[in-house]
N, C-alpha and C. Protein backbone atom coordinates (compact mmCIF):
# COMPACT_ATOMS: atom_id res chain seq x y z
N MET A 1 14.15 39.11 -1.02
CA MET A 1 14.75 38.27 -2.04
C MET A 1 15.23 36.96 -1.44
N PHE A 2 15.84 37.02 -0.25
CA PHE A 2 16.36 35.82 0.39
C PHE A 2 15.25 34.81 0.66
N ASN A 3 14.06 35.24 1.06
CA ASN A 3 12.95 34.34 1.38
C ASN A 3 12.51 33.53 0.17
N VAL A 4 12.57 34.14 -1.02
CA VAL A 4 12.20 33.42 -2.24
C VAL A 4 13.13 32.23 -2.43
N PHE A 5 14.42 32.43 -2.25
CA PHE A 5 15.38 31.34 -2.40
C PHE A 5 15.21 30.29 -1.31
N ALA A 6 14.90 30.74 -0.11
CA ALA A 6 14.67 29.79 0.99
C ALA A 6 13.46 28.93 0.69
N ASP A 7 12.40 29.54 0.12
CA ASP A 7 11.21 28.78 -0.23
C ASP A 7 11.51 27.77 -1.33
N LEU A 8 12.33 28.17 -2.31
CA LEU A 8 12.71 27.24 -3.38
C LEU A 8 13.49 26.07 -2.81
N SER A 9 14.41 26.36 -1.93
CA SER A 9 15.21 25.30 -1.32
C SER A 9 14.32 24.37 -0.50
N ARG A 10 13.39 24.94 0.23
CA ARG A 10 12.47 24.13 1.03
C ARG A 10 11.62 23.24 0.12
N GLN A 11 11.16 23.79 -1.00
CA GLN A 11 10.36 23.01 -1.95
C GLN A 11 11.18 21.86 -2.53
N ARG A 12 12.43 22.13 -2.87
CA ARG A 12 13.31 21.07 -3.38
C ARG A 12 13.50 19.98 -2.35
N GLN A 13 13.68 20.38 -1.09
CA GLN A 13 13.83 19.39 -0.02
C GLN A 13 12.56 18.56 0.13
N ASN A 14 11.40 19.22 0.08
CA ASN A 14 10.14 18.49 0.17
C ASN A 14 9.96 17.53 -1.00
N ASP A 15 10.31 17.99 -2.21
CA ASP A 15 10.22 17.14 -3.39
C ASP A 15 11.14 15.93 -3.25
N TYR A 16 12.34 16.16 -2.78
CA TYR A 16 13.32 15.09 -2.60
C TYR A 16 12.82 14.08 -1.55
N CYS A 17 12.31 14.58 -0.44
CA CYS A 17 11.79 13.69 0.61
C CYS A 17 10.60 12.88 0.10
N SER A 18 9.73 13.51 -0.68
CA SER A 18 8.58 12.81 -1.26
C SER A 18 9.04 11.71 -2.21
N LYS A 19 10.06 12.00 -3.00
CA LYS A 19 10.60 11.02 -3.94
C LYS A 19 11.18 9.82 -3.20
N ILE A 20 11.91 10.08 -2.14
CA ILE A 20 12.48 8.99 -1.33
C ILE A 20 11.37 8.16 -0.71
N LYS A 21 10.36 8.82 -0.17
CA LYS A 21 9.24 8.09 0.45
C LYS A 21 8.54 7.20 -0.57
N ARG A 22 8.29 7.71 -1.78
CA ARG A 22 7.64 6.90 -2.83
C ARG A 22 8.50 5.70 -3.20
N THR A 23 9.82 5.89 -3.25
CA THR A 23 10.74 4.78 -3.58
C THR A 23 10.64 3.68 -2.53
N PHE A 24 10.62 4.05 -1.26
CA PHE A 24 10.52 3.06 -0.20
C PHE A 24 9.15 2.38 -0.21
N ILE A 25 8.09 3.13 -0.45
CA ILE A 25 6.76 2.52 -0.51
C ILE A 25 6.68 1.51 -1.65
N ARG A 26 7.28 1.82 -2.81
CA ARG A 26 7.28 0.87 -3.93
C ARG A 26 8.01 -0.41 -3.56
N LYS A 27 9.16 -0.28 -2.88
CA LYS A 27 9.90 -1.47 -2.44
C LYS A 27 9.08 -2.29 -1.46
N GLU A 28 8.49 -1.61 -0.49
CA GLU A 28 7.66 -2.29 0.50
C GLU A 28 6.45 -2.95 -0.15
N ALA A 29 5.81 -2.26 -1.10
CA ALA A 29 4.62 -2.78 -1.76
C ALA A 29 4.92 -4.06 -2.53
N LYS A 30 6.08 -4.11 -3.17
CA LYS A 30 6.47 -5.31 -3.92
C LYS A 30 6.65 -6.50 -2.98
N ILE A 31 7.33 -6.27 -1.87
CA ILE A 31 7.50 -7.32 -0.87
C ILE A 31 6.14 -7.73 -0.32
N GLY A 32 5.31 -6.75 0.00
CA GLY A 32 3.98 -7.04 0.54
C GLY A 32 3.13 -7.86 -0.41
N GLY A 33 3.26 -7.62 -1.71
CA GLY A 33 2.50 -8.39 -2.69
C GLY A 33 2.83 -9.86 -2.69
N GLN A 34 4.02 -10.21 -2.23
CA GLN A 34 4.44 -11.61 -2.18
C GLN A 34 3.91 -12.33 -0.94
N VAL A 35 3.41 -11.58 0.03
CA VAL A 35 2.88 -12.16 1.27
C VAL A 35 1.71 -13.11 0.98
N PHE A 36 0.96 -12.83 -0.08
CA PHE A 36 -0.23 -13.60 -0.40
C PHE A 36 0.03 -14.76 -1.36
N GLY A 37 1.28 -15.08 -1.58
CA GLY A 37 1.62 -16.20 -2.46
C GLY A 37 2.21 -15.74 -3.77
N ASN A 38 2.41 -16.72 -4.65
CA ASN A 38 3.03 -16.45 -5.95
C ASN A 38 2.16 -15.54 -6.80
N ILE A 39 2.83 -14.79 -7.66
CA ILE A 39 2.15 -13.86 -8.56
C ILE A 39 2.37 -14.32 -9.99
N ASN A 40 1.28 -14.46 -10.75
CA ASN A 40 1.40 -14.83 -12.16
C ASN A 40 2.11 -13.73 -12.93
N LYS A 41 2.71 -14.10 -14.06
CA LYS A 41 3.46 -13.11 -14.83
C LYS A 41 2.55 -12.03 -15.42
N ASN A 42 1.25 -12.32 -15.57
CA ASN A 42 0.31 -11.34 -16.11
C ASN A 42 -0.36 -10.53 -14.99
N MET A 43 0.20 -10.61 -13.80
CA MET A 43 -0.43 -9.99 -12.65
C MET A 43 0.54 -9.07 -11.92
N ARG A 44 -0.02 -8.06 -11.32
CA ARG A 44 0.74 -7.19 -10.43
C ARG A 44 -0.03 -7.10 -9.12
N ARG A 45 0.66 -7.34 -8.02
CA ARG A 45 0.02 -7.27 -6.71
C ARG A 45 0.91 -6.47 -5.78
N GLU A 46 0.30 -5.58 -5.03
CA GLU A 46 1.01 -4.79 -4.04
C GLU A 46 0.21 -4.77 -2.75
N PHE A 47 0.93 -4.76 -1.65
CA PHE A 47 0.32 -4.64 -0.33
C PHE A 47 1.27 -3.82 0.51
N PHE A 48 0.78 -2.74 1.09
CA PHE A 48 1.68 -1.88 1.85
C PHE A 48 0.92 -1.04 2.87
N CYS A 49 1.68 -0.52 3.80
CA CYS A 49 1.17 0.37 4.84
C CYS A 49 1.37 1.80 4.37
N LEU A 50 0.28 2.51 4.20
CA LEU A 50 0.36 3.89 3.72
C LEU A 50 0.66 4.86 4.87
N ASP A 51 0.01 4.64 5.99
CA ASP A 51 0.27 5.41 7.20
C ASP A 51 -0.10 4.53 8.39
N LYS A 52 -0.08 5.05 9.59
CA LYS A 52 -0.25 4.19 10.77
C LYS A 52 -1.61 3.51 10.85
N ASN A 53 -2.60 3.98 10.11
CA ASN A 53 -3.94 3.38 10.15
C ASN A 53 -4.44 2.85 8.81
N THR A 54 -3.65 2.96 7.76
CA THR A 54 -4.14 2.63 6.42
C THR A 54 -3.26 1.61 5.72
N TRP A 55 -3.91 0.54 5.24
CA TRP A 55 -3.24 -0.51 4.47
C TRP A 55 -3.88 -0.57 3.09
N ILE A 56 -3.05 -0.78 2.07
CA ILE A 56 -3.52 -0.83 0.69
C ILE A 56 -3.18 -2.19 0.09
N TRP A 57 -4.17 -2.81 -0.55
CA TRP A 57 -3.95 -4.03 -1.33
C TRP A 57 -4.40 -3.70 -2.75
N HIS A 58 -3.47 -3.80 -3.69
CA HIS A 58 -3.74 -3.43 -5.08
C HIS A 58 -3.38 -4.61 -5.98
N GLU A 59 -4.30 -4.96 -6.89
CA GLU A 59 -4.03 -6.03 -7.86
C GLU A 59 -4.44 -5.59 -9.25
N GLU A 60 -3.63 -6.00 -10.21
CA GLU A 60 -3.93 -5.79 -11.63
C GLU A 60 -3.66 -7.10 -12.35
N TRP A 61 -4.55 -7.47 -13.28
CA TRP A 61 -4.37 -8.68 -14.05
C TRP A 61 -5.16 -8.57 -15.35
N THR A 62 -4.85 -9.45 -16.27
CA THR A 62 -5.58 -9.53 -17.53
C THR A 62 -6.52 -10.71 -17.44
N ASP A 63 -7.82 -10.47 -17.68
CA ASP A 63 -8.80 -11.55 -17.58
C ASP A 63 -8.78 -12.42 -18.83
N THR A 64 -9.64 -13.42 -18.86
CA THR A 64 -9.66 -14.38 -19.98
C THR A 64 -10.07 -13.74 -21.29
N PHE A 65 -10.67 -12.55 -21.25
CA PHE A 65 -11.06 -11.84 -22.47
C PHE A 65 -10.00 -10.83 -22.91
N GLY A 66 -8.87 -10.81 -22.19
CA GLY A 66 -7.79 -9.90 -22.53
C GLY A 66 -7.96 -8.49 -21.99
N LYS A 67 -8.96 -8.30 -21.12
CA LYS A 67 -9.23 -6.98 -20.56
C LYS A 67 -8.47 -6.82 -19.24
N ARG A 68 -7.88 -5.66 -19.06
CA ARG A 68 -7.12 -5.36 -17.85
C ARG A 68 -8.09 -5.10 -16.69
N GLN A 69 -7.90 -5.79 -15.59
CA GLN A 69 -8.71 -5.63 -14.40
C GLN A 69 -7.86 -5.01 -13.29
N ILE A 70 -8.44 -4.11 -12.54
CA ILE A 70 -7.73 -3.45 -11.45
C ILE A 70 -8.64 -3.38 -10.23
N VAL A 71 -8.13 -3.82 -9.10
CA VAL A 71 -8.86 -3.72 -7.84
C VAL A 71 -7.92 -3.16 -6.78
N THR A 72 -8.38 -2.12 -6.11
CA THR A 72 -7.62 -1.55 -5.00
C THR A 72 -8.52 -1.57 -3.77
N THR A 73 -8.02 -2.18 -2.72
CA THR A 73 -8.75 -2.23 -1.46
C THR A 73 -7.98 -1.42 -0.43
N ARG A 74 -8.69 -0.51 0.19
CA ARG A 74 -8.09 0.36 1.21
C ARG A 74 -8.68 -0.04 2.56
N TYR A 75 -7.81 -0.48 3.46
CA TYR A 75 -8.23 -0.86 4.80
C TYR A 75 -7.90 0.28 5.76
N SER A 76 -8.86 0.62 6.60
CA SER A 76 -8.65 1.66 7.60
C SER A 76 -8.85 1.03 8.98
N VAL A 77 -7.79 1.08 9.79
CA VAL A 77 -7.84 0.50 11.13
C VAL A 77 -8.29 1.60 12.09
N ARG A 78 -9.40 1.35 12.74
CA ARG A 78 -10.00 2.33 13.66
C ARG A 78 -10.24 1.69 15.02
N PRO A 79 -10.42 2.49 16.05
CA PRO A 79 -10.65 1.92 17.38
C PRO A 79 -11.84 0.97 17.44
N GLU A 80 -12.87 1.24 16.64
CA GLU A 80 -14.06 0.38 16.66
C GLU A 80 -13.98 -0.81 15.72
N GLY A 81 -12.88 -0.94 14.98
CA GLY A 81 -12.70 -2.08 14.08
C GLY A 81 -12.03 -1.66 12.78
N ILE A 82 -11.98 -2.60 11.86
CA ILE A 82 -11.35 -2.36 10.56
C ILE A 82 -12.45 -2.22 9.52
N ILE A 83 -12.32 -1.19 8.69
CA ILE A 83 -13.25 -1.01 7.58
C ILE A 83 -12.45 -1.03 6.28
N LYS A 84 -13.15 -1.32 5.18
CA LYS A 84 -12.46 -1.37 3.88
C LYS A 84 -13.34 -0.76 2.80
N ALA A 85 -12.67 -0.35 1.73
CA ALA A 85 -13.36 0.16 0.55
C ALA A 85 -12.66 -0.39 -0.68
N HIS A 86 -13.43 -0.92 -1.63
CA HIS A 86 -12.89 -1.39 -2.90
C HIS A 86 -13.02 -0.27 -3.93
N ASN A 87 -11.94 0.03 -4.62
CA ASN A 87 -11.95 1.01 -5.72
C ASN A 87 -12.68 2.31 -5.35
N ASN A 88 -12.38 2.83 -4.18
CA ASN A 88 -12.93 4.11 -3.70
C ASN A 88 -14.45 4.11 -3.55
N GLN A 89 -15.04 2.94 -3.35
CA GLN A 89 -16.47 2.87 -3.07
C GLN A 89 -16.70 3.11 -1.58
N HIS A 90 -17.90 2.89 -1.11
CA HIS A 90 -18.23 3.11 0.30
C HIS A 90 -17.50 2.12 1.19
N TYR A 91 -17.15 2.59 2.38
CA TYR A 91 -16.50 1.72 3.36
C TYR A 91 -17.52 0.77 3.97
N GLN A 92 -17.04 -0.43 4.28
CA GLN A 92 -17.86 -1.41 4.99
C GLN A 92 -17.00 -2.09 6.04
N LYS A 93 -17.63 -2.53 7.10
CA LYS A 93 -16.90 -3.17 8.18
C LYS A 93 -16.39 -4.53 7.73
N VAL A 94 -15.18 -4.87 8.15
CA VAL A 94 -14.55 -6.14 7.81
C VAL A 94 -14.98 -7.19 8.83
N GLY A 95 -15.27 -8.39 8.36
CA GLY A 95 -15.63 -9.49 9.25
C GLY A 95 -14.43 -9.99 10.04
N LYS A 96 -14.71 -10.79 11.04
CA LYS A 96 -13.66 -11.27 11.95
C LYS A 96 -12.57 -12.05 11.20
N GLU A 97 -12.96 -12.96 10.31
CA GLU A 97 -11.97 -13.76 9.58
C GLU A 97 -11.07 -12.89 8.71
N GLU A 98 -11.65 -11.94 8.02
CA GLU A 98 -10.85 -11.05 7.17
C GLU A 98 -9.93 -10.17 8.01
N ALA A 99 -10.42 -9.73 9.18
CA ALA A 99 -9.59 -8.92 10.08
C ALA A 99 -8.39 -9.72 10.57
N VAL A 100 -8.62 -10.97 10.94
CA VAL A 100 -7.52 -11.84 11.39
C VAL A 100 -6.52 -12.04 10.26
N ASN A 101 -7.02 -12.27 9.04
CA ASN A 101 -6.13 -12.45 7.88
C ASN A 101 -5.31 -11.20 7.60
N LEU A 102 -5.94 -10.03 7.71
CA LEU A 102 -5.23 -8.77 7.49
C LEU A 102 -4.15 -8.57 8.54
N ILE A 103 -4.47 -8.85 9.79
CA ILE A 103 -3.48 -8.71 10.87
C ILE A 103 -2.30 -9.65 10.64
N HIS A 104 -2.59 -10.88 10.21
CA HIS A 104 -1.51 -11.84 9.93
C HIS A 104 -0.65 -11.35 8.76
N ALA A 105 -1.31 -10.90 7.69
CA ALA A 105 -0.57 -10.41 6.51
C ALA A 105 0.28 -9.19 6.89
N ALA A 106 -0.26 -8.30 7.70
CA ALA A 106 0.49 -7.11 8.12
C ALA A 106 1.71 -7.51 8.95
N SER A 107 1.55 -8.51 9.79
CA SER A 107 2.66 -8.99 10.61
C SER A 107 3.79 -9.57 9.75
N VAL A 108 3.41 -10.41 8.78
CA VAL A 108 4.41 -10.99 7.87
C VAL A 108 5.07 -9.89 7.05
N TYR A 109 4.28 -8.97 6.55
CA TYR A 109 4.78 -7.83 5.78
C TYR A 109 5.82 -7.05 6.59
N LEU A 110 5.48 -6.69 7.82
CA LEU A 110 6.39 -5.90 8.64
C LEU A 110 7.71 -6.62 8.90
N LYS A 111 7.65 -7.92 9.16
CA LYS A 111 8.88 -8.70 9.39
C LYS A 111 9.74 -8.74 8.13
N ARG A 112 9.10 -8.98 6.98
CA ARG A 112 9.88 -9.05 5.73
C ARG A 112 10.45 -7.69 5.34
N VAL A 113 9.67 -6.64 5.48
CA VAL A 113 10.15 -5.31 5.13
C VAL A 113 11.33 -4.92 6.03
N GLN A 114 11.21 -5.21 7.32
CA GLN A 114 12.32 -4.91 8.24
C GLN A 114 13.59 -5.66 7.83
N ALA A 115 13.44 -6.91 7.45
CA ALA A 115 14.60 -7.74 7.09
C ALA A 115 15.18 -7.39 5.71
N GLU A 116 14.31 -7.04 4.76
CA GLU A 116 14.76 -6.88 3.37
C GLU A 116 14.99 -5.43 2.93
N VAL A 117 14.39 -4.49 3.62
CA VAL A 117 14.53 -3.08 3.21
C VAL A 117 15.34 -2.28 4.21
N TYR A 118 15.04 -2.46 5.49
CA TYR A 118 15.68 -1.64 6.51
C TYR A 118 16.65 -2.48 7.27
């Protein structure tokens, strides 16, 4: 009987930790979205570090026809280079200029997040 309660308590702790992590990622993502410049009022942009090797850039906007557009780019940093995938499509290697831009954006992001969140 005691193990059932211990498992429930552990699950609650895990749920609570997950909730806190999501809250911090949302704060970081909002700051990261500002790294690339101003955001129009009809737009949502997020940029954040998901884990030690994964960066996410997410944008949503309404196009000129009033249709909602969504693009999510997932960057994976690997020993052989950086690869990316748009909207869960196939990964492709990032060119040198884009890699330099990503590294610069990540650096600015990390400095701002450290100063504004932590």
